Amino acid sequence: MALALVVDDDRSMRFLVEKSLEEIQVKVTAASTAKEGLSLISAQRPDVVLLDIMLPDRSGLEVLRDIQAIDRRLPVIFVTSDNDSGTAIEAMHLGAYDYIFKPLDILQLNRLVQNAITSRQLMNVPVALAADLEARPDGKSFVGHSPEMLEVFKVIGRVAAQNVPVLIRGESGTGKELAAQALYQHSHRCDGPFIAINCAALPDTLLESELFGHEKGSFTGADRRRVGKFEQCDGGTILLDEVGDMALVVQGKVLRLLQDQRFERLGGNEVISTDVRIIAATNRPLEQMVADKTFRADLFYRLNGITISLPPLRSRRDDIPLLLKYFLSQSKSMLNKPHVEGLSPECLEILSRYDWPGNVREMQSVVQQAVLNSIGPIIIPEFLPRELTCPTRVDSAASEAGPAILAPVTVETSPAPVTNGQSLGDIGPFIEQRLLEKSTNLSTEVIEHVEYYLYTRVLEATNGNQSQAAEILGVTRGKIRDRIKAFNISIEKRVRNVTDPED
């Protein structure tokens, strides 16, 4: 469990933080003075620190310098009751991870702490470019001996030390963030910050503010100046994940930053200089997007100076046994199941023949579920997720063009609509059937069942227009694409699940 240290002389504030972070399974230890807090950092090695600006014995800014002397990569989130954001901005310039104002916004606090812990893990865990199955079973290593992966390792080794932008391409789940970590950790910027931003997870205006910051009054709700990630990441590396989802107006500002290492905050006119290396990642066809004028050609050429292409798992099947062994070791340790010895021959056969449309990330999840379900030393097919042992595949001769597609776990492919506040018409039979089948994940299955109907119905109503569907549902375009892939929704003249029978 991750550990957070809160340093604040207000006992009620320490209590509030502890109760808030319990909701995200983060353990909290507390100190009321700077001296006590520094002692706890040395003794307990927390994953994130929440630090009050004004402490009884010292200034929080002074404490930040001492924290950096102990552990340069420990993220520090400042907490302040001062309405003037000048002090917090100074803290950001000194290397703080972020800041939050009192009274605390619990949702914002939890989000910041989760992001900070993720950043801590990204900066702390070395990426092994060789397949060392025993050294670090943490899911953060590249594993593979295939010629395709050896070429990836070589490219990373050649370009990591070069101060140039890198574009990482590959299907979802192939390890693009791991490649970015390797580039960062083997570069001369490894002592600086590393920040990953998912461009598909934020609306356009919020993404622009997150990257470049904003001035007070620049938009509704901007009641204070905010420092953006490019300014905060000065001297470090920033990963723009899902860069193909970036709006054109944001693309223009990123292009200028790549060219001049200068930018302006949203709503401001002050030119700010920074020194940041940009790594971009995408699974989208940027060349086609350039032709469709949805992605700037000049930005594409800037990002595409060095390209690392990660192969899908189905193209490096020789690595499947290595990866299975690696994730088995990781899952045994994480789930505290040392009695698990390995896979039965039948289980290994199923996993070796599977096409892994979700690539390495899907394999990690499957092995983890199998270890969790296991009740003996040998993992047999019964312990695998149901989709792998009872798949409904698309009857298509085009399997050579891509992986087979698995149908979602549903009783019927056309759920009855929601009317008068009642549940979906087939939820009852669906739940009863899953109970008979002794489901151990019923809550998630019911949620997915309802989501399947919701997303299919909205896409049908918008004639497959994903932007309109995202607006109606109040989610990002990236979320729409994620659900389309997860539920195997095919957008043609009408919206249907790919496993539905033809008319």
Protein backbone atom coordinates (compact mmCIF):
# COMPACT_ATOMS: atom_id res chain seq x y z
CA MET A 1 0.00 0.00 0.00
CA ALA A 2 1.29 3.47 -0.90
CA LEU A 3 2.27 5.78 1.97
CA ALA A 4 1.53 9.51 2.17
CA LEU A 5 3.10 11.86 4.72
CA VAL A 6 1.11 14.95 5.72
CA VAL A 7 3.08 17.70 7.49
CA ASP A 8 0.65 20.22 9.00
CA ASP A 9 0.26 21.70 12.48
CA ASP A 10 -3.55 21.67 12.13
CA ARG A 11 -4.76 18.41 13.71
CA SER A 12 -8.16 18.60 12.00
CA MET A 13 -6.43 18.97 8.63
CA ARG A 14 -4.30 15.89 9.28
CA PHE A 15 -7.44 13.94 10.23
CA LEU A 16 -9.29 15.10 7.09
CA VAL A 17 -6.43 14.06 4.81
CA GLU A 18 -6.17 10.66 6.46
CA LYS A 19 -9.91 9.95 6.06
CA SER A 20 -9.89 11.21 2.47
CA LEU A 21 -6.96 9.08 1.35
CA GLU A 22 -8.44 5.98 2.96
CA GLU A 23 -10.92 5.98 0.07
CA ILE A 24 -8.10 5.41 -2.44
CA GLN A 25 -6.24 2.86 -0.27
CA VAL A 26 -3.37 5.19 0.64
CA LYS A 27 -1.93 4.88 4.13
CA VAL A 28 -1.21 8.17 5.92
CA THR A 29 1.43 9.09 8.47
CA ALA A 30 1.50 12.58 9.95
CA ALA A 31 3.79 15.20 11.48
CA SER A 32 3.03 18.60 13.00
CA THR A 33 6.47 20.19 12.55
CA ALA A 34 9.11 20.36 9.85
CA LYS A 35 11.66 18.58 12.02
CA GLU A 36 9.32 15.68 12.70
CA GLY A 37 8.33 15.48 9.03
CA LEU A 38 11.95 15.29 7.81
CA SER A 39 12.65 12.57 10.35
CA LEU A 40 9.67 10.53 9.08
CA ILE A 41 10.81 10.94 5.47
CA SER A 42 14.19 9.42 6.32
CA ALA A 43 12.68 6.64 8.43
CA GLN A 44 9.57 5.63 6.46
CA ARG A 45 10.31 6.66 2.85
CA PRO A 46 6.78 7.82 1.88
CA ASP A 47 5.58 7.89 -1.74
CA VAL A 48 4.19 11.45 -1.54
CA VAL A 49 4.33 14.36 0.91
CA LEU A 50 1.55 16.89 1.59
CA LEU A 51 3.33 19.90 3.05
CA ASP A 52 1.82 23.00 4.65
CA ILE A 53 3.37 26.29 3.49
CA MET A 54 3.38 27.77 7.01
CA LEU A 55 4.74 25.47 9.74
CA PRO A 56 5.44 26.48 13.35
CA ASP A 57 9.20 25.93 13.14
CA ARG A 58 10.08 26.62 9.50
CA SER A 59 8.76 27.72 6.12
CA GLY A 60 7.51 24.99 3.86
CA LEU A 61 9.71 26.33 1.05
CA GLU A 62 12.80 25.74 3.17
CA VAL A 63 11.57 22.27 4.05
CA LEU A 64 11.15 21.49 0.35
CA ARG A 65 14.87 22.06 -0.21
CA ASP A 66 15.69 19.67 2.64
CA ILE A 67 13.31 17.06 1.25
CA GLN A 68 15.00 17.29 -2.14
CA ALA A 69 18.37 16.76 -0.48
CA ILE A 70 17.03 13.52 1.04
CA ASP A 71 15.13 12.28 -2.01
CA ARG A 72 15.09 14.34 -5.19
CA ARG A 73 12.31 12.29 -6.76
CA LEU A 74 9.85 12.40 -3.84
CA PRO A 75 6.75 14.35 -5.03
CA VAL A 76 5.70 17.17 -2.70
CA ILE A 77 2.20 18.67 -2.85
CA PHE A 78 1.90 22.01 -1.05
CA VAL A 79 -1.21 22.82 0.96
CA THR A 80 -1.90 26.50 1.57
CA SER A 81 -4.68 28.72 2.92
CA ASP A 82 -3.16 31.83 1.34
CA ASN A 83 -5.42 33.26 -1.36
CA ASP A 84 -2.36 34.77 -3.04
CA SER A 85 -1.00 32.07 -5.31
CA GLY A 86 2.45 33.69 -5.51
CA THR A 87 3.95 31.49 -2.80
CA ALA A 88 2.56 28.32 -4.35
CA ILE A 89 3.91 29.33 -7.77
CA GLU A 90 7.34 29.89 -6.20
CA ALA A 91 7.10 26.42 -4.69
CA MET A 92 6.38 24.97 -8.14
CA HIS A 93 9.46 26.70 -9.53
CA LEU A 94 11.52 25.12 -6.75
CA GLY A 95 10.36 21.67 -7.80
CA ALA A 96 7.11 20.91 -5.96
CA TYR A 97 4.82 18.41 -7.67
CA ASP A 98 1.66 20.52 -7.28
CA TYR A 99 -0.31 22.58 -4.77
CA ILE A 100 -3.85 22.69 -3.41
CA PHE A 101 -5.72 25.37 -1.49
CA LYS A 102 -7.62 25.13 1.77
CA PRO A 103 -10.42 24.31 2.37
CA LEU A 104 -9.55 21.06 0.66
CA ASP A 105 -11.42 19.77 -2.36
CA ILE A 106 -11.42 16.05 -1.50
CA LEU A 107 -11.79 14.86 -5.10
CA GLN A 108 -8.96 17.11 -6.23
CA LEU A 109 -6.79 15.99 -3.31
CA ASN A 110 -7.30 12.30 -4.09
CA ARG A 111 -6.61 12.85 -7.78
CA LEU A 112 -3.39 14.77 -7.08
CA VAL A 113 -2.16 12.16 -4.62
CA GLN A 114 -2.89 9.30 -7.03
CA ASN A 115 -1.10 11.11 -9.86
CA ALA A 116 1.86 11.91 -7.61
CA ILE A 117 2.20 8.28 -6.50
CA THR A 118 2.10 7.17 -10.15
CA SER A 119 4.82 9.69 -11.01
CA ARG A 120 6.88 8.44 -8.07
CA GLN A 121 6.63 4.89 -9.38
CA LEU A 122 7.53 5.94 -12.92
CA MET A 123 10.63 7.77 -11.71
CA ASN A 124 11.73 5.17 -9.17
CA VAL A 125 11.39 1.84 -10.96
CA PRO A 126 14.31 1.04 -13.28
CA VAL A 127 13.27 -0.34 -16.64
CA ALA A 128 15.15 -3.53 -17.49
CA LEU A 129 15.81 -3.68 -21.22
CA ALA A 130 16.85 -7.32 -20.90
CA ALA A 131 14.54 -10.12 -19.85
CA ASP A 132 15.41 -10.53 -16.17
CA LEU A 133 12.50 -12.58 -14.88
CA GLU A 134 13.57 -12.80 -11.25
CA ALA A 135 15.05 -9.38 -10.46
CA ARG A 136 11.94 -7.24 -10.29
CA PRO A 137 8.48 -8.88 -10.56
CA ASP A 138 6.61 -5.57 -10.56
CA GLY A 139 5.11 -5.31 -14.05
CA LYS A 140 7.42 -2.39 -14.90
CA SER A 141 10.00 -4.23 -17.01
CA PHE A 142 10.36 -4.97 -20.68
CA VAL A 143 10.40 -8.74 -21.17
CA GLY A 144 11.31 -10.35 -24.45
CA HIS A 145 13.99 -12.15 -26.45
CA SER A 146 12.27 -11.92 -29.80
CA PRO A 147 14.06 -10.15 -32.68
CA GLU A 148 11.27 -7.55 -32.74
CA MET A 149 11.82 -6.54 -29.11
CA LEU A 150 15.61 -6.60 -29.41
CA GLU A 151 15.29 -4.01 -32.16
CA VAL A 152 13.16 -1.86 -29.83
CA PHE A 153 15.82 -2.12 -27.11
CA LYS A 154 18.53 -1.09 -29.58
CA VAL A 155 16.62 2.00 -30.73
CA ILE A 156 15.95 3.07 -27.14
CA GLY A 157 19.64 2.64 -26.34
CA ARG A 158 20.66 4.76 -29.32
CA VAL A 159 18.29 7.69 -28.79
CA ALA A 160 17.81 7.85 -25.00
CA ALA A 161 20.78 10.16 -24.45
CA GLN A 162 19.91 12.40 -27.40
CA ASN A 163 17.92 15.53 -26.58
CA VAL A 164 15.39 15.05 -29.38
CA PRO A 165 11.62 14.42 -29.46
CA VAL A 166 10.58 10.79 -29.81
CA LEU A 167 7.34 9.36 -31.17
CA ILE A 168 6.35 5.96 -29.76
CA ARG A 169 3.79 4.07 -31.84
CA GLY A 170 1.96 0.83 -31.21
CA GLU A 171 -1.37 -0.72 -30.36
CA SER A 172 -2.97 -0.20 -26.97
CA GLY A 173 -1.28 -2.30 -24.31
CA THR A 174 2.05 -2.84 -26.09
CA GLY A 175 4.07 -0.92 -23.50
CA LYS A 176 4.40 2.61 -24.87
CA GLU A 177 4.69 4.10 -21.37
CA LEU A 178 7.40 1.60 -20.48
CA ALA A 179 9.34 2.70 -23.56
CA ALA A 180 8.97 6.33 -22.46
CA GLN A 181 10.23 5.40 -18.98
CA ALA A 182 13.26 3.69 -20.51
CA LEU A 183 14.08 6.76 -22.59
CA TYR A 184 13.81 8.96 -19.50
CA GLN A 185 15.80 6.73 -17.16
CA HIS A 186 18.67 6.28 -19.64
CA SER A 187 18.89 9.99 -20.51
CA HIS A 188 20.87 12.82 -18.95
CA ARG A 189 17.54 14.15 -17.63
CA CYS A 190 17.00 11.15 -15.33
CA ASP A 191 17.47 13.31 -12.23
CA GLY A 192 14.75 15.70 -13.39
CA PRO A 193 10.98 15.20 -13.28
CA PHE A 194 9.04 12.81 -15.48
CA ILE A 195 5.37 13.61 -16.07
CA ALA A 196 2.88 11.61 -18.16
CA ILE A 197 -0.24 13.33 -19.52
CA ASN A 198 -3.05 11.36 -21.18
CA CYS A 199 -4.33 13.73 -23.87
CA ALA A 200 -7.46 11.61 -24.41
CA ALA A 201 -8.51 11.77 -20.77
CA LEU A 202 -8.99 15.55 -20.57
CA PRO A 203 -11.35 17.90 -22.43
CA ASP A 204 -9.56 20.29 -24.81
CA THR A 205 -9.68 23.42 -22.60
CA LEU A 206 -8.62 21.51 -19.51
CA LEU A 207 -5.75 19.85 -21.41
CA GLU A 208 -4.46 23.23 -22.56
CA SER A 209 -4.61 24.54 -19.00
CA GLU A 210 -2.97 21.38 -17.64
CA LEU A 211 -0.06 21.66 -20.06
CA PHE A 212 0.53 25.41 -20.22
CA GLY A 213 -1.16 26.72 -17.08
CA HIS A 214 -3.60 29.62 -16.95
CA GLU A 215 -3.97 33.12 -15.59
CA LYS A 216 -6.65 34.18 -13.16
CA GLY A 217 -9.90 34.96 -14.99
CA SER A 218 -8.82 33.29 -18.25
CA PHE A 219 -11.98 31.16 -18.22
CA THR A 220 -14.98 30.47 -16.00
CA GLY A 221 -13.76 29.00 -12.74
CA ALA A 222 -10.15 30.18 -13.15
CA ASP A 223 -10.04 32.05 -9.85
CA ARG A 224 -6.26 31.73 -9.47
CA ARG A 225 -3.17 31.57 -11.62
CA ARG A 226 -1.99 27.99 -12.22
CA VAL A 227 1.40 26.69 -13.30
CA GLY A 228 1.22 24.15 -16.13
CA LYS A 229 3.10 20.89 -16.56
CA PHE A 230 5.55 22.27 -19.14
CA GLU A 231 6.64 24.94 -16.69
CA GLN A 232 6.72 22.48 -13.81
CA CYS A 233 8.71 19.94 -15.86
CA ASP A 234 11.58 22.34 -16.59
CA GLY A 235 14.75 20.26 -16.94
CA GLY A 236 12.81 17.01 -17.23
CA THR A 237 10.78 14.86 -19.62
CA ILE A 238 7.08 14.93 -20.42
CA LEU A 239 5.12 12.10 -22.07
CA LEU A 240 2.16 13.19 -24.19
CA ASP A 241 0.22 9.92 -24.30
CA GLU A 242 -2.55 9.58 -26.92
CA VAL A 243 -1.18 12.67 -28.67
CA GLY A 244 -3.51 12.01 -31.62
CA ASP A 245 -6.44 13.15 -29.44
CA MET A 246 -4.99 16.61 -28.93
CA ALA A 247 -7.10 19.50 -30.27
CA LEU A 248 -5.65 21.60 -33.12
CA VAL A 249 -5.36 24.73 -30.99
CA VAL A 250 -3.29 22.83 -28.39
CA GLN A 251 -1.22 21.24 -31.17
CA GLY A 252 -0.21 24.74 -32.31
CA LYS A 253 1.05 25.69 -28.86
CA VAL A 254 2.95 22.42 -28.49
CA LEU A 255 4.58 23.04 -31.87
CA ARG A 256 5.80 26.43 -30.74
CA LEU A 257 7.20 24.93 -27.56
CA LEU A 258 9.07 22.29 -29.59
CA GLN A 259 10.53 24.99 -31.82
CA ASP A 260 11.41 27.69 -29.28
CA GLN A 261 11.03 26.10 -25.80
CA ARG A 262 8.75 29.04 -25.02
CA PHE A 263 5.02 29.38 -24.39
CA GLU A 264 2.34 31.53 -22.76
CA ARG A 265 -0.16 30.53 -20.10
CA LEU A 266 -3.80 30.34 -21.13
CA GLY A 267 -5.20 33.88 -20.96
CA GLY A 268 -1.76 35.45 -20.44
CA ASN A 269 0.76 37.34 -22.53
CA GLU A 270 3.94 36.65 -20.55
CA VAL A 271 6.41 34.53 -22.55
CA ILE A 272 7.78 31.72 -20.37
CA SER A 273 10.91 29.76 -21.22
CA THR A 274 11.37 26.12 -20.29
CA ASP A 275 13.70 23.22 -21.06
CA VAL A 276 11.71 20.05 -21.50
CA ARG A 277 12.06 16.94 -23.64
CA ILE A 278 8.84 15.77 -25.28
CA ILE A 279 8.03 12.11 -25.85
CA ALA A 280 4.75 11.47 -27.66
CA ALA A 281 2.84 8.19 -27.88
CA THR A 282 -0.14 7.13 -29.96
CA ASN A 283 -1.97 4.14 -31.39
CA ARG A 284 -3.68 6.26 -34.04
CA PRO A 285 -2.79 6.62 -37.78
CA LEU A 286 -1.25 10.11 -37.66
CA GLU A 287 -0.45 10.10 -41.40
CA GLN A 288 -4.14 9.67 -42.23
CA MET A 289 -5.07 12.30 -39.65
CA VAL A 290 -2.66 14.71 -41.34
CA ALA A 291 -4.35 13.98 -44.66
CA ASP A 292 -7.75 14.53 -43.02
CA LYS A 293 -6.46 17.80 -41.48
CA THR A 294 -7.22 16.66 -37.94
CA PHE A 295 -3.53 16.63 -37.00
CA ARG A 296 -1.01 19.30 -37.93
CA ALA A 297 1.54 18.15 -40.49
CA ASP A 298 4.28 20.41 -39.07
CA LEU A 299 3.78 19.00 -35.56
CA PHE A 300 3.79 15.45 -36.92
CA TYR A 301 7.13 16.01 -38.64
CA ARG A 302 8.57 17.55 -35.47
CA LEU A 303 7.46 14.64 -33.31
CA ASN A 304 8.41 12.04 -35.90
CA GLY A 305 12.13 12.76 -35.92
CA ILE A 306 12.79 9.49 -34.09
CA THR A 307 10.10 6.81 -34.11
CA ILE A 308 9.94 3.71 -31.92
CA SER A 309 7.38 1.16 -33.13
CA LEU A 310 6.30 -1.42 -30.57
CA PRO A 311 5.16 -4.73 -32.05
CA PRO A 312 1.84 -6.28 -30.98
CA LEU A 313 2.09 -9.43 -28.91
CA ARG A 314 0.67 -11.60 -31.70
CA SER A 315 3.74 -10.62 -33.78
CA ARG A 316 6.21 -11.85 -31.16
CA ARG A 317 4.72 -15.14 -30.00
CA ASP A 318 8.14 -16.43 -28.98
CA ASP A 319 7.93 -14.02 -26.02
CA ILE A 320 4.59 -15.35 -24.74
CA PRO A 321 6.07 -18.05 -22.43
CA LEU A 322 8.57 -15.52 -21.02
CA LEU A 323 5.83 -12.99 -20.36
CA LEU A 324 3.53 -15.57 -18.79
CA LYS A 325 6.29 -16.66 -16.43
CA TYR A 326 7.10 -13.04 -15.61
CA PHE A 327 3.51 -12.02 -14.84
CA LEU A 328 2.95 -15.23 -12.89
CA SER A 329 5.89 -14.30 -10.65
CA GLN A 330 4.60 -10.75 -10.29
CA SER A 331 1.03 -11.84 -9.47
CA LYS A 332 2.15 -14.41 -6.90
CA SER A 333 4.10 -11.73 -5.07
CA MET A 334 1.43 -9.04 -5.33
CA LEU A 335 -1.47 -11.30 -4.30
CA ASN A 336 0.55 -13.17 -1.65
CA LYS A 337 -0.05 -16.59 -3.21
CA PRO A 338 3.34 -18.29 -2.93
CA HIS A 339 1.77 -21.75 -3.25
CA VAL A 340 1.01 -21.26 -6.97
CA GLU A 341 3.55 -23.30 -8.94
CA GLY A 342 2.58 -22.73 -12.54
CA LEU A 343 0.25 -23.39 -15.46
CA SER A 344 -1.20 -26.72 -16.48
CA PRO A 345 -0.42 -27.90 -20.06
CA GLU A 346 -4.03 -27.23 -21.10
CA CYS A 347 -3.91 -23.74 -19.64
CA LEU A 348 -0.60 -22.95 -21.36
CA GLU A 349 -2.04 -24.19 -24.66
CA ILE A 350 -5.03 -21.85 -24.37
CA LEU A 351 -2.88 -18.85 -23.53
CA SER A 352 -0.36 -19.62 -26.26
CA ARG A 353 -3.04 -19.85 -28.96
CA TYR A 354 -4.91 -16.72 -27.84
CA ASP A 355 -4.45 -13.66 -30.08
CA TRP A 356 -4.11 -11.11 -27.22
CA PRO A 357 -5.95 -8.15 -28.81
CA GLY A 358 -5.16 -6.17 -25.65
CA ASN A 359 -1.47 -7.12 -25.92
CA VAL A 360 0.82 -7.24 -22.88
CA ARG A 361 -1.54 -5.24 -20.66
CA GLU A 362 -4.30 -7.79 -21.28
CA MET A 363 -1.94 -10.67 -20.48
CA GLN A 364 -0.98 -9.07 -17.18
CA SER A 365 -4.66 -8.77 -16.26
CA VAL A 366 -5.48 -12.34 -17.32
CA VAL A 367 -2.62 -13.88 -15.33
CA GLN A 368 -3.51 -11.79 -12.30
CA GLN A 369 -7.14 -12.96 -12.45
CA ALA A 370 -6.04 -16.58 -12.86
CA VAL A 371 -3.75 -16.41 -9.81
CA LEU A 372 -6.48 -14.70 -7.82
CA ASN A 373 -9.01 -17.41 -8.75
CA SER A 374 -6.64 -20.31 -8.10
CA ILE A 375 -7.36 -22.65 -5.19
CA GLY A 376 -4.44 -25.04 -5.71
CA PRO A 377 -0.81 -25.02 -6.82
CA ILE A 378 -1.58 -25.51 -10.53
CA ILE A 379 -3.52 -23.00 -12.61
CA ILE A 380 -6.01 -24.87 -14.79
CA PRO A 381 -8.36 -23.49 -17.48
CA GLU A 382 -11.16 -23.20 -14.90
CA PHE A 383 -9.26 -20.35 -13.24
CA LEU A 384 -8.90 -18.31 -16.44
CA PRO A 385 -11.34 -15.51 -17.31
CA ARG A 386 -14.45 -16.92 -18.94
CA GLU A 387 -13.84 -15.10 -22.24
CA LEU A 388 -10.70 -17.13 -22.88
CA THR A 389 -12.20 -20.55 -22.19
CA CYS A 390 -15.64 -19.97 -23.78
CA PRO A 391 -15.01 -17.36 -26.48
CA THR A 392 -17.51 -16.41 -29.16
CA ARG A 393 -15.36 -15.45 -32.09
CA VAL A 394 -16.25 -13.57 -35.22
CA ASP A 395 -16.65 -16.07 -38.02
CA SER A 396 -14.29 -14.42 -40.45
CA ALA A 397 -11.66 -15.57 -42.87
CA ALA A 398 -9.84 -12.32 -42.28
CA SER A 399 -8.10 -13.51 -39.12
CA GLU A 400 -4.75 -12.96 -40.83
CA ALA A 401 -5.46 -9.23 -40.90
CA GLY A 402 -5.80 -8.96 -37.15
CA PRO A 403 -6.64 -10.68 -33.90
CA ALA A 404 -9.83 -12.59 -33.31
CA ILE A 405 -12.47 -10.61 -31.45
CA LEU A 406 -14.17 -11.91 -28.34
CA ALA A 407 -17.78 -11.19 -27.57
CA PRO A 408 -18.61 -9.48 -24.28
CA VAL A 409 -20.20 -11.57 -21.53
CA THR A 410 -23.91 -10.88 -22.02
CA VAL A 411 -27.06 -12.98 -22.13
CA GLU A 412 -28.59 -11.19 -25.08
CA THR A 413 -27.03 -8.89 -27.64
CA SER A 414 -29.89 -6.40 -27.64
CA PRO A 415 -30.75 -5.27 -24.11
CA ALA A 416 -34.20 -3.88 -23.54
CA PRO A 417 -34.30 -0.10 -23.11
CA VAL A 418 -34.55 1.75 -19.82
CA THR A 419 -38.04 3.14 -19.34
CA ASN A 420 -39.74 5.03 -16.52
CA GLY A 421 -36.65 4.71 -14.34
CA GLN A 422 -36.75 0.90 -14.48
CA SER A 423 -33.67 -1.25 -15.00
CA LEU A 424 -32.81 -2.84 -18.35
CA GLY A 425 -35.38 -5.48 -19.16
CA ASP A 426 -32.87 -8.34 -19.25
CA ILE A 427 -30.85 -7.40 -16.17
CA GLY A 428 -32.80 -9.85 -14.01
CA PRO A 429 -32.25 -12.91 -16.23
CA PHE A 430 -28.66 -11.82 -16.80
CA ILE A 431 -27.94 -11.68 -13.06
CA GLU A 432 -29.68 -15.00 -12.45
CA GLN A 433 -27.64 -16.72 -15.15
CA ARG A 434 -24.36 -15.31 -13.83
CA LEU A 435 -25.30 -16.45 -10.31
CA LEU A 436 -25.92 -19.96 -11.62
CA GLU A 437 -22.51 -19.85 -13.30
CA LYS A 438 -20.98 -18.87 -9.93
CA SER A 439 -19.64 -15.53 -11.08
CA THR A 440 -17.04 -13.92 -8.81
CA ASN A 441 -17.14 -10.56 -10.59
CA LEU A 442 -20.85 -9.87 -10.85
CA SER A 443 -20.76 -6.16 -10.02
CA THR A 444 -18.35 -5.40 -12.88
CA GLU A 445 -20.27 -7.64 -15.28
CA VAL A 446 -23.58 -5.87 -14.57
CA ILE A 447 -21.98 -2.45 -14.99
CA GLU A 448 -20.46 -3.53 -18.30
CA HIS A 449 -23.81 -4.94 -19.40
CA VAL A 450 -25.54 -1.60 -18.78
CA GLU A 451 -22.66 0.37 -20.32
CA TYR A 452 -22.87 -1.79 -23.44
CA TYR A 453 -26.48 -0.81 -23.98
CA LEU A 454 -25.85 2.86 -23.15
CA TYR A 455 -22.91 3.37 -25.51
CA THR A 456 -24.47 1.33 -28.33
CA ARG A 457 -27.74 3.25 -28.05
CA VAL A 458 -26.10 6.69 -28.01
CA LEU A 459 -23.83 5.85 -30.96
CA GLU A 460 -26.87 4.59 -32.84
CA ALA A 461 -28.69 7.85 -32.09
CA THR A 462 -25.72 9.89 -33.41
CA ASN A 463 -25.25 7.69 -36.50
CA GLY A 464 -21.83 6.68 -35.23
CA ASN A 465 -20.57 10.25 -34.67
CA GLN A 466 -18.15 9.77 -31.78
CA SER A 467 -17.77 13.49 -31.04
CA GLN A 468 -21.53 13.91 -30.66
CA ALA A 469 -21.74 10.75 -28.56
CA ALA A 470 -18.98 12.04 -26.28
CA GLU A 471 -20.86 15.33 -25.81
CA ILE A 472 -24.12 13.56 -24.99
CA LEU A 473 -22.48 11.17 -22.53
CA GLY A 474 -20.25 13.83 -20.98
CA VAL A 475 -17.05 11.85 -21.60
CA THR A 476 -13.96 12.27 -23.79
CA ARG A 477 -13.54 10.92 -27.32
CA GLY A 478 -10.86 8.61 -25.95
CA LYS A 479 -13.41 7.09 -23.58
CA ILE A 480 -15.80 6.50 -26.50
CA ARG A 481 -13.10 4.69 -28.49
CA ASP A 482 -12.16 2.65 -25.45
CA ARG A 483 -15.75 1.46 -24.98
CA ILE A 484 -16.15 0.75 -28.72
CA LYS A 485 -13.12 -1.52 -28.54
CA ALA A 486 -14.06 -3.09 -25.22
CA PHE A 487 -17.62 -3.94 -26.36
CA ASN A 488 -16.68 -4.82 -29.98
CA ILE A 489 -19.04 -2.19 -31.39
CA SER A 490 -18.84 -1.87 -35.16
CA ILE A 491 -19.81 1.51 -36.64
CA GLU A 492 -21.24 1.09 -40.12
CA LYS A 493 -24.56 2.31 -41.53
CA ARG A 494 -25.94 1.36 -38.19
CA VAL A 495 -24.29 0.63 -34.86
CA ARG A 496 -24.10 -3.00 -33.89
CA ASN A 497 -21.96 -5.39 -31.89
CA VAL A 498 -19.67 -7.36 -34.18
CA THR A 499 -21.08 -10.61 -32.82
CA ASP A 500 -24.68 -9.67 -33.67
CA PRO A 501 -26.17 -11.78 -36.50
CA GLU A 502 -26.36 -10.14 -39.91
CA ASP A 503 -29.71 -8.83 -41.11
